Amino acid sequence: MLALDGPYVIGPVVALMVTGFLALLLHRALHRQEAEAARPPVPSRPDDYGLLVPVASCRDRVDADLVREHLATAGIRSTLTTGVDGRIRVLVFADALDRARRLVG
């Protein structure tokens, strides 16, 4: 005979409640990922480099490396990227743009 009262019922009821809660969390997490995947990506411009600003545009990698080394000797951090037109751009942070332009010319 089943005893539906007392401490024998508490364990299975708690286990079912925890399982239901975890199932609900999993359902919501998977549904959120599907909604994010369905959203179209935000288009970005090819000349958008975020916090970086182009300071020089070079024809080849050797010239760009020379500009970058010149900036590094002055203590200015820089990086390189290739533009849509195939030219190598030297990028610096906006707060160092004036100093970098004076050095590069």
Protein backbone atom coordinates (compact mmCIF):
# COMPACT_ATOMS: atom_id res chain seq x y z
CA MET A 1 0.00 0.00 0.00
CA LEU A 2 1.29 3.47 -0.90
CA ALA A 3 1.70 6.07 1.73
CA LEU A 4 0.87 9.47 0.22
CA ASP A 5 1.52 11.41 3.35
CA GLY A 6 4.54 11.89 5.50
CA PRO A 7 8.25 12.07 4.68
CA TYR A 8 8.09 9.47 1.85
CA VAL A 9 6.46 11.95 -0.50
CA ILE A 10 8.82 14.88 0.11
CA GLY A 11 11.84 13.39 -1.71
CA PRO A 12 10.12 12.60 -5.03
CA VAL A 13 8.19 15.89 -5.00
CA VAL A 14 11.40 17.88 -4.49
CA ALA A 15 13.13 15.86 -7.23
CA LEU A 16 10.27 16.56 -9.66
CA MET A 17 10.28 20.27 -8.82
CA VAL A 18 14.05 20.55 -9.38
CA THR A 19 13.79 18.61 -12.66
CA GLY A 20 10.97 20.88 -13.85
CA PHE A 21 12.95 23.99 -12.91
CA LEU A 22 16.03 22.76 -14.78
CA ALA A 23 13.91 21.88 -17.82
CA LEU A 24 12.44 25.39 -17.81
CA LEU A 25 15.91 26.97 -17.61
CA LEU A 26 17.17 24.81 -20.46
CA HIS A 27 14.13 25.64 -22.61
CA ARG A 28 14.58 29.38 -22.06
CA ALA A 29 18.33 29.25 -22.77
CA LEU A 30 17.85 27.34 -26.03
CA HIS A 31 14.99 29.58 -27.11
CA ARG A 32 17.14 32.69 -26.50
CA GLN A 33 19.98 31.29 -28.64
CA GLU A 34 17.57 30.56 -31.49
CA ALA A 35 16.20 34.10 -31.31
CA GLU A 36 19.71 35.58 -31.42
CA ALA A 37 20.68 33.38 -34.35
CA ALA A 38 17.56 34.46 -36.27
CA ARG A 39 18.49 38.16 -35.98
CA PRO A 40 20.34 39.53 -39.01
CA PRO A 41 23.92 40.66 -38.29
CA VAL A 42 24.58 44.36 -37.97
CA PRO A 43 26.38 45.48 -41.13
CA SER A 44 29.61 47.36 -40.56
CA ARG A 45 31.44 49.69 -42.84
CA PRO A 46 34.72 48.41 -44.28
CA ASP A 47 36.53 51.50 -42.96
CA ASP A 48 35.21 51.14 -39.38
CA TYR A 49 38.05 50.10 -37.07
CA GLY A 50 36.33 50.74 -33.73
CA LEU A 51 38.61 52.70 -31.39
CA LEU A 52 41.47 52.71 -33.89
CA VAL A 53 42.05 55.44 -36.47
CA PRO A 54 44.14 55.12 -39.64
CA VAL A 55 47.22 57.33 -39.54
CA ALA A 56 48.98 56.16 -42.71
CA SER A 57 48.23 54.14 -45.82
CA CYS A 58 51.09 52.25 -47.48
CA ARG A 59 51.46 50.32 -50.73
CA ASP A 60 53.25 47.33 -49.22
CA ARG A 61 53.98 45.64 -45.92
CA VAL A 62 57.61 46.79 -45.77
CA ASP A 63 56.67 50.49 -45.80
CA ALA A 64 53.93 49.88 -43.24
CA ASP A 65 56.37 48.06 -40.94
CA LEU A 66 58.80 51.00 -41.19
CA VAL A 67 56.04 53.44 -40.20
CA ARG A 68 55.00 51.18 -37.36
CA GLU A 69 58.58 50.89 -36.05
CA HIS A 70 58.95 54.68 -36.23
CA LEU A 71 55.79 55.07 -34.15
CA ALA A 72 56.98 52.43 -31.68
CA THR A 73 60.24 54.32 -31.06
CA ALA A 74 58.10 57.31 -30.03
CA GLY A 75 56.07 55.11 -27.67
CA ILE A 76 52.92 55.00 -29.81
CA ARG A 77 51.15 51.65 -30.08
CA SER A 78 49.99 50.75 -33.58
CA THR A 79 48.72 47.87 -35.65
CA LEU A 80 48.30 47.04 -39.33
CA THR A 81 45.32 46.08 -41.42
CA THR A 82 44.60 45.59 -45.09
CA GLY A 83 41.90 47.78 -46.59
CA VAL A 84 39.39 46.86 -49.27
CA ASP A 85 41.60 48.52 -51.86
CA GLY A 86 44.56 46.30 -50.91
CA ARG A 87 46.60 49.04 -49.26
CA ILE A 88 48.10 48.47 -45.81
CA ARG A 89 46.80 50.87 -43.17
CA VAL A 90 48.63 51.75 -39.96
CA LEU A 91 46.13 52.20 -37.12
CA VAL A 92 46.60 53.99 -33.80
CA PHE A 93 44.30 54.89 -30.92
CA ALA A 94 42.48 58.22 -31.26
CA ASP A 95 44.27 59.80 -28.29
CA ALA A 96 47.65 59.33 -30.02
CA LEU A 97 46.46 60.44 -33.46
CA ASP A 98 47.92 63.97 -33.37
CA ARG A 99 51.35 62.80 -32.24
CA ALA A 100 51.35 59.99 -34.79
CA ARG A 101 50.42 62.31 -37.66
CA ARG A 102 53.23 64.71 -36.70
CA LEU A 103 55.72 61.83 -36.73
CA VAL A 104 54.48 60.24 -39.94
CA GLY A 105 54.02 63.50 -41.75
